[in-house]
Amino acid sequence: MVKPVIISESPVSMADMKDYLENVKKNEKELNFRSNKTYDYISQFSTLDKKKADELKQKLEKLNIPRLKDVHIIKIIDLMPMSVDDLKSILLSYTITINNENLKKIIDVVDGYRK
């Protein structure tokens, strides 16, 4: 049996996944069961389109917050926290500490993209 080799891993936002699944849907006319369930979930809970999610990601990266990695940024984009406390609870599952000043900067940037 052939074992696949993982070359690289990178986090993917819900907006990117929705865009990818829409392209698959165009090409193949129909999604399989699991892809269709994923598409339904993303359609319900994704708040940004791909263009706005990419803009938000760039702005969060430009803040140059120490120890904030792509995986954290993608999680912030997907969940769109409304307050510093929400952001703290999101980042609590990771081993990362960010000071309150930087947390406020993140929330200020995210607030600009909230509907």
N, C-alpha and C. Protein backbone atom coordinates (compact mmCIF):
# COMPACT_ATOMS: atom_id res chain seq x y z
N MET A 1 0.84 -1.17 0.00
CA MET A 1 0.00 0.00 0.00
C MET A 1 0.89 1.24 0.00
N VAL A 2 0.50 2.20 -0.78
CA VAL A 2 1.26 3.44 -0.91
C VAL A 2 0.91 4.38 0.24
N LYS A 3 1.94 4.93 0.86
CA LYS A 3 1.72 5.91 1.92
C LYS A 3 1.99 7.30 1.37
N PRO A 4 1.01 8.19 1.43
CA PRO A 4 1.26 9.55 0.95
C PRO A 4 2.24 10.28 1.86
N VAL A 5 3.02 11.14 1.26
CA VAL A 5 3.99 11.94 1.99
C VAL A 5 3.50 13.38 2.02
N ILE A 6 3.43 13.94 3.20
CA ILE A 6 3.00 15.33 3.35
C ILE A 6 4.21 16.22 3.09
N ILE A 7 4.09 17.05 2.08
CA ILE A 7 5.20 17.93 1.71
C ILE A 7 5.19 19.19 2.57
N SER A 8 4.03 19.78 2.72
CA SER A 8 3.92 20.97 3.57
C SER A 8 2.49 21.10 4.08
N GLU A 9 2.36 21.83 5.16
CA GLU A 9 1.06 22.11 5.73
C GLU A 9 0.90 23.61 5.88
N SER A 10 -0.28 24.09 5.58
CA SER A 10 -0.57 25.50 5.80
C SER A 10 -2.04 25.65 6.15
N PRO A 11 -2.36 26.54 7.08
CA PRO A 11 -3.76 26.73 7.47
C PRO A 11 -4.56 27.37 6.34
N VAL A 12 -5.83 27.02 6.27
CA VAL A 12 -6.72 27.53 5.22
C VAL A 12 -7.94 28.14 5.89
N SER A 13 -8.27 29.34 5.52
CA SER A 13 -9.46 29.99 6.09
C SER A 13 -10.73 29.42 5.46
N MET A 14 -11.85 29.67 6.14
CA MET A 14 -13.12 29.20 5.60
C MET A 14 -13.43 29.87 4.27
N ALA A 15 -13.03 31.12 4.11
CA ALA A 15 -13.27 31.83 2.84
C ALA A 15 -12.49 31.19 1.70
N ASP A 16 -11.25 30.79 1.96
CA ASP A 16 -10.46 30.11 0.93
C ASP A 16 -11.07 28.75 0.59
N MET A 17 -11.51 28.02 1.61
CA MET A 17 -12.10 26.71 1.37
C MET A 17 -13.41 26.83 0.60
N LYS A 18 -14.20 27.84 0.92
CA LYS A 18 -15.46 28.04 0.20
C LYS A 18 -15.19 28.34 -1.27
N ASP A 19 -14.19 29.18 -1.54
CA ASP A 19 -13.81 29.50 -2.91
C ASP A 19 -13.34 28.24 -3.65
N TYR A 20 -12.53 27.44 -2.98
CA TYR A 20 -12.03 26.20 -3.58
C TYR A 20 -13.18 25.25 -3.90
N LEU A 21 -14.11 25.06 -2.95
CA LEU A 21 -15.23 24.16 -3.18
C LEU A 21 -16.16 24.67 -4.28
N GLU A 22 -16.30 25.98 -4.40
CA GLU A 22 -17.11 26.53 -5.49
C GLU A 22 -16.46 26.23 -6.84
N ASN A 23 -15.14 26.30 -6.91
CA ASN A 23 -14.44 25.95 -8.16
C ASN A 23 -14.60 24.47 -8.49
N VAL A 24 -14.53 23.62 -7.48
CA VAL A 24 -14.73 22.19 -7.70
C VAL A 24 -16.16 21.95 -8.18
N LYS A 25 -17.10 22.65 -7.58
CA LYS A 25 -18.51 22.51 -7.95
C LYS A 25 -18.74 22.90 -9.41
N LYS A 26 -18.06 23.95 -9.87
CA LYS A 26 -18.18 24.38 -11.26
C LYS A 26 -17.63 23.32 -12.22
N ASN A 27 -16.48 22.76 -11.87
CA ASN A 27 -15.81 21.81 -12.75
C ASN A 27 -16.45 20.43 -12.75
N GLU A 28 -16.91 19.97 -11.60
CA GLU A 28 -17.43 18.62 -11.50
C GLU A 28 -18.95 18.54 -11.40
N LYS A 29 -19.62 19.67 -11.39
CA LYS A 29 -21.07 19.78 -11.34
C LYS A 29 -21.69 19.36 -10.01
N GLU A 30 -21.01 18.49 -9.26
CA GLU A 30 -21.58 18.02 -8.01
C GLU A 30 -20.45 17.66 -7.04
N LEU A 31 -20.67 17.98 -5.78
CA LEU A 31 -19.70 17.65 -4.75
C LEU A 31 -20.04 16.29 -4.13
N ASN A 32 -19.04 15.61 -3.61
CA ASN A 32 -19.33 14.36 -2.90
C ASN A 32 -19.96 14.69 -1.55
N PHE A 33 -20.36 13.65 -0.82
CA PHE A 33 -21.11 13.85 0.42
C PHE A 33 -20.35 14.72 1.41
N ARG A 34 -19.10 14.39 1.69
CA ARG A 34 -18.32 15.12 2.69
C ARG A 34 -18.05 16.56 2.25
N SER A 35 -17.72 16.74 0.99
CA SER A 35 -17.48 18.10 0.47
C SER A 35 -18.75 18.94 0.52
N ASN A 36 -19.88 18.31 0.25
CA ASN A 36 -21.15 19.02 0.29
C ASN A 36 -21.50 19.45 1.71
N LYS A 37 -21.25 18.59 2.69
CA LYS A 37 -21.48 18.94 4.09
C LYS A 37 -20.56 20.09 4.51
N THR A 38 -19.31 20.02 4.08
CA THR A 38 -18.34 21.08 4.40
C THR A 38 -18.79 22.39 3.78
N TYR A 39 -19.23 22.35 2.54
CA TYR A 39 -19.69 23.56 1.85
C TYR A 39 -20.91 24.16 2.57
N ASP A 40 -21.84 23.32 2.99
CA ASP A 40 -23.02 23.80 3.72
C ASP A 40 -22.62 24.49 5.03
N TYR A 41 -21.70 23.87 5.76
CA TYR A 41 -21.22 24.44 7.02
C TYR A 41 -20.55 25.79 6.79
N ILE A 42 -19.66 25.83 5.82
CA ILE A 42 -18.93 27.07 5.54
C ILE A 42 -19.88 28.16 5.07
N SER A 43 -20.88 27.80 4.29
CA SER A 43 -21.85 28.79 3.82
C SER A 43 -22.62 29.42 4.97
N GLN A 44 -22.89 28.63 6.00
CA GLN A 44 -23.63 29.15 7.15
C GLN A 44 -22.77 30.02 8.05
N PHE A 45 -21.50 29.64 8.25
CA PHE A 45 -20.70 30.28 9.29
C PHE A 45 -19.61 31.21 8.77
N SER A 46 -19.31 31.19 7.51
CA SER A 46 -18.28 32.08 6.97
C SER A 46 -18.85 33.49 6.85
N THR A 47 -18.13 34.46 7.39
CA THR A 47 -18.64 35.83 7.40
C THR A 47 -18.00 36.71 6.34
N LEU A 48 -16.86 36.31 5.81
CA LEU A 48 -16.15 37.13 4.82
C LEU A 48 -15.99 36.38 3.51
N ASP A 49 -15.93 37.13 2.43
CA ASP A 49 -15.56 36.51 1.16
C ASP A 49 -14.04 36.43 1.07
N LYS A 50 -13.54 35.76 0.05
CA LYS A 50 -12.11 35.51 -0.07
C LYS A 50 -11.30 36.80 -0.14
N LYS A 51 -11.79 37.78 -0.90
CA LYS A 51 -11.05 39.03 -1.08
C LYS A 51 -10.89 39.77 0.26
N LYS A 52 -11.98 39.89 1.01
CA LYS A 52 -11.92 40.59 2.29
C LYS A 52 -11.09 39.81 3.32
N ALA A 53 -11.19 38.48 3.28
CA ALA A 53 -10.40 37.66 4.20
C ALA A 53 -8.91 37.83 3.92
N ASP A 54 -8.54 37.90 2.65
CA ASP A 54 -7.13 38.11 2.30
C ASP A 54 -6.64 39.49 2.74
N GLU A 55 -7.50 40.50 2.57
CA GLU A 55 -7.14 41.85 3.03
C GLU A 55 -6.94 41.88 4.55
N LEU A 56 -7.85 41.25 5.26
CA LEU A 56 -7.76 41.21 6.72
C LEU A 56 -6.50 40.47 7.16
N LYS A 57 -6.18 39.38 6.49
CA LYS A 57 -4.97 38.63 6.82
C LYS A 57 -3.73 39.50 6.64
N GLN A 58 -3.68 40.24 5.54
CA GLN A 58 -2.52 41.11 5.29
C GLN A 58 -2.41 42.19 6.36
N LYS A 59 -3.55 42.77 6.75
CA LYS A 59 -3.50 43.82 7.78
C LYS A 59 -3.07 43.27 9.13
N LEU A 60 -3.52 42.06 9.46
CA LEU A 60 -3.11 41.46 10.72
C LEU A 60 -1.62 41.10 10.70
N GLU A 61 -1.12 40.67 9.56
CA GLU A 61 0.31 40.37 9.44
C GLU A 61 1.15 41.64 9.56
N LYS A 62 0.64 42.76 9.04
CA LYS A 62 1.38 44.03 9.08
C LYS A 62 1.48 44.59 10.50
N LEU A 63 0.65 44.12 11.42
CA LEU A 63 0.75 44.58 12.80
C LEU A 63 2.05 44.11 13.46
N ASN A 64 2.68 43.09 12.89
CA ASN A 64 3.95 42.55 13.40
C ASN A 64 3.89 42.23 14.89
N ILE A 65 2.88 41.50 15.27
CA ILE A 65 2.73 41.10 16.67
C ILE A 65 3.61 39.88 16.92
N PRO A 66 4.47 39.97 17.93
CA PRO A 66 5.38 38.84 18.21
C PRO A 66 4.61 37.55 18.52
N ARG A 67 5.10 36.46 18.02
CA ARG A 67 4.58 35.10 18.25
C ARG A 67 3.24 34.83 17.59
N LEU A 68 2.64 35.78 16.88
CA LEU A 68 1.37 35.56 16.20
C LEU A 68 1.66 34.94 14.84
N LYS A 69 1.24 33.70 14.65
CA LYS A 69 1.54 32.94 13.43
C LYS A 69 0.32 32.86 12.54
N ASP A 70 0.53 32.28 11.34
CA ASP A 70 -0.55 32.15 10.37
C ASP A 70 -1.75 31.38 10.92
N VAL A 71 -1.49 30.33 11.66
CA VAL A 71 -2.58 29.53 12.21
C VAL A 71 -3.46 30.36 13.14
N HIS A 72 -2.86 31.26 13.91
CA HIS A 72 -3.61 32.13 14.81
C HIS A 72 -4.41 33.16 14.00
N ILE A 73 -3.78 33.71 12.99
CA ILE A 73 -4.44 34.71 12.16
C ILE A 73 -5.66 34.12 11.44
N ILE A 74 -5.50 32.92 10.91
CA ILE A 74 -6.61 32.25 10.22
C ILE A 74 -7.76 32.00 11.19
N LYS A 75 -7.45 31.57 12.39
CA LYS A 75 -8.49 31.33 13.40
C LYS A 75 -9.21 32.63 13.75
N ILE A 76 -8.48 33.71 13.85
CA ILE A 76 -9.09 35.02 14.13
C ILE A 76 -10.01 35.42 12.99
N ILE A 77 -9.58 35.21 11.75
CA ILE A 77 -10.40 35.57 10.58
C ILE A 77 -11.66 34.72 10.54
N ASP A 78 -11.55 33.45 10.84
CA ASP A 78 -12.71 32.56 10.79
C ASP A 78 -13.74 32.88 11.87
N LEU A 79 -13.27 33.24 13.06
CA LEU A 79 -14.19 33.45 14.18
C LEU A 79 -14.59 34.91 14.40
N MET A 80 -13.81 35.86 13.87
CA MET A 80 -14.12 37.28 13.96
C MET A 80 -14.53 37.70 15.39
N PRO A 81 -13.60 37.68 16.34
CA PRO A 81 -13.94 38.02 17.72
C PRO A 81 -14.43 39.46 17.85
N MET A 82 -15.35 39.67 18.78
CA MET A 82 -15.96 40.99 18.96
C MET A 82 -15.30 41.80 20.07
N SER A 83 -14.61 41.14 20.97
CA SER A 83 -13.98 41.85 22.09
C SER A 83 -12.64 41.21 22.42
N VAL A 84 -11.91 41.87 23.28
CA VAL A 84 -10.62 41.35 23.72
C VAL A 84 -10.81 40.03 24.46
N ASP A 85 -11.88 39.92 25.24
CA ASP A 85 -12.14 38.68 25.96
C ASP A 85 -12.42 37.52 24.99
N ASP A 86 -13.17 37.80 23.92
CA ASP A 86 -13.41 36.77 22.90
C ASP A 86 -12.09 36.34 22.26
N LEU A 87 -11.26 37.30 21.96
CA LEU A 87 -9.96 37.01 21.34
C LEU A 87 -9.08 36.20 22.29
N LYS A 88 -9.10 36.54 23.56
CA LYS A 88 -8.33 35.79 24.55
C LYS A 88 -8.80 34.34 24.60
N SER A 89 -10.11 34.13 24.56
CA SER A 89 -10.63 32.76 24.63
C SER A 89 -10.28 31.96 23.37
N ILE A 90 -10.18 32.63 22.24
CA ILE A 90 -9.77 31.95 21.01
C ILE A 90 -8.30 31.54 21.10
N LEU A 91 -7.47 32.43 21.57
CA LEU A 91 -6.03 32.16 21.64
C LEU A 91 -5.65 31.31 22.85
N LEU A 92 -6.58 31.06 23.73
CA LEU A 92 -6.31 30.26 24.92
C LEU A 92 -5.93 28.83 24.58
N SER A 93 -6.44 28.32 23.47
CA SER A 93 -6.15 26.93 23.09
C SER A 93 -4.74 26.77 22.53
N TYR A 94 -4.07 27.87 22.27
CA TYR A 94 -2.69 27.83 21.78
C TYR A 94 -1.74 28.26 22.90
N THR A 95 -0.50 27.87 22.76
CA THR A 95 0.49 28.31 23.75
C THR A 95 1.11 29.62 23.28
N ILE A 96 0.33 30.67 23.41
CA ILE A 96 0.77 31.99 22.96
C ILE A 96 0.28 33.03 23.96
N THR A 97 1.12 33.99 24.24
CA THR A 97 0.72 35.10 25.10
C THR A 97 0.92 36.40 24.33
N ILE A 98 -0.12 37.20 24.34
CA ILE A 98 -0.08 38.50 23.66
C ILE A 98 -0.55 39.54 24.66
N ASN A 99 0.16 40.66 24.71
CA ASN A 99 -0.23 41.69 25.68
C ASN A 99 -1.53 42.39 25.27
N ASN A 100 -2.14 43.08 26.21
CA ASN A 100 -3.45 43.70 25.98
C ASN A 100 -3.42 44.76 24.89
N GLU A 101 -2.33 45.47 24.79
CA GLU A 101 -2.21 46.50 23.75
C GLU A 101 -2.31 45.87 22.35
N ASN A 102 -1.62 44.77 22.14
CA ASN A 102 -1.67 44.09 20.85
C ASN A 102 -3.03 43.43 20.61
N LEU A 103 -3.66 42.92 21.66
CA LEU A 103 -4.99 42.35 21.52
C LEU A 103 -5.98 43.42 21.05
N LYS A 104 -5.86 44.63 21.61
CA LYS A 104 -6.74 45.73 21.21
C LYS A 104 -6.49 46.12 19.75
N LYS A 105 -5.23 46.09 19.32
CA LYS A 105 -4.92 46.39 17.91
C LYS A 105 -5.59 45.38 16.99
N ILE A 106 -5.55 44.11 17.37
CA ILE A 106 -6.17 43.06 16.55
C ILE A 106 -7.67 43.29 16.46
N ILE A 107 -8.30 43.57 17.59
CA ILE A 107 -9.76 43.79 17.61
C ILE A 107 -10.12 45.03 16.76
N ASP A 108 -9.32 46.08 16.83
CA ASP A 108 -9.58 47.28 16.02
C ASP A 108 -9.55 46.96 14.54
N VAL A 109 -8.59 46.15 14.12
CA VAL A 109 -8.50 45.77 12.70
C VAL A 109 -9.68 44.89 12.30
N VAL A 110 -10.04 43.93 13.15
CA VAL A 110 -11.15 43.02 12.86
C VAL A 110 -12.46 43.78 12.81
N ASP A 111 -12.64 44.77 13.68
CA ASP A 111 -13.87 45.57 13.69
C ASP A 111 -14.12 46.26 12.35
N GLY A 112 -13.09 46.61 11.65
CA GLY A 112 -13.24 47.24 10.34
C GLY A 112 -13.82 46.34 9.28
N TYR A 113 -13.79 45.03 9.52
CA TYR A 113 -14.30 44.05 8.54
C TYR A 113 -15.59 43.39 8.97
N ARG A 114 -16.09 43.75 10.12
CA ARG A 114 -17.34 43.15 10.59
C ARG A 114 -18.52 43.81 9.89
N LYS A 115 -19.51 43.03 9.55
CA LYS A 115 -20.68 43.55 8.84
C LYS A 115 -21.60 44.26 9.79
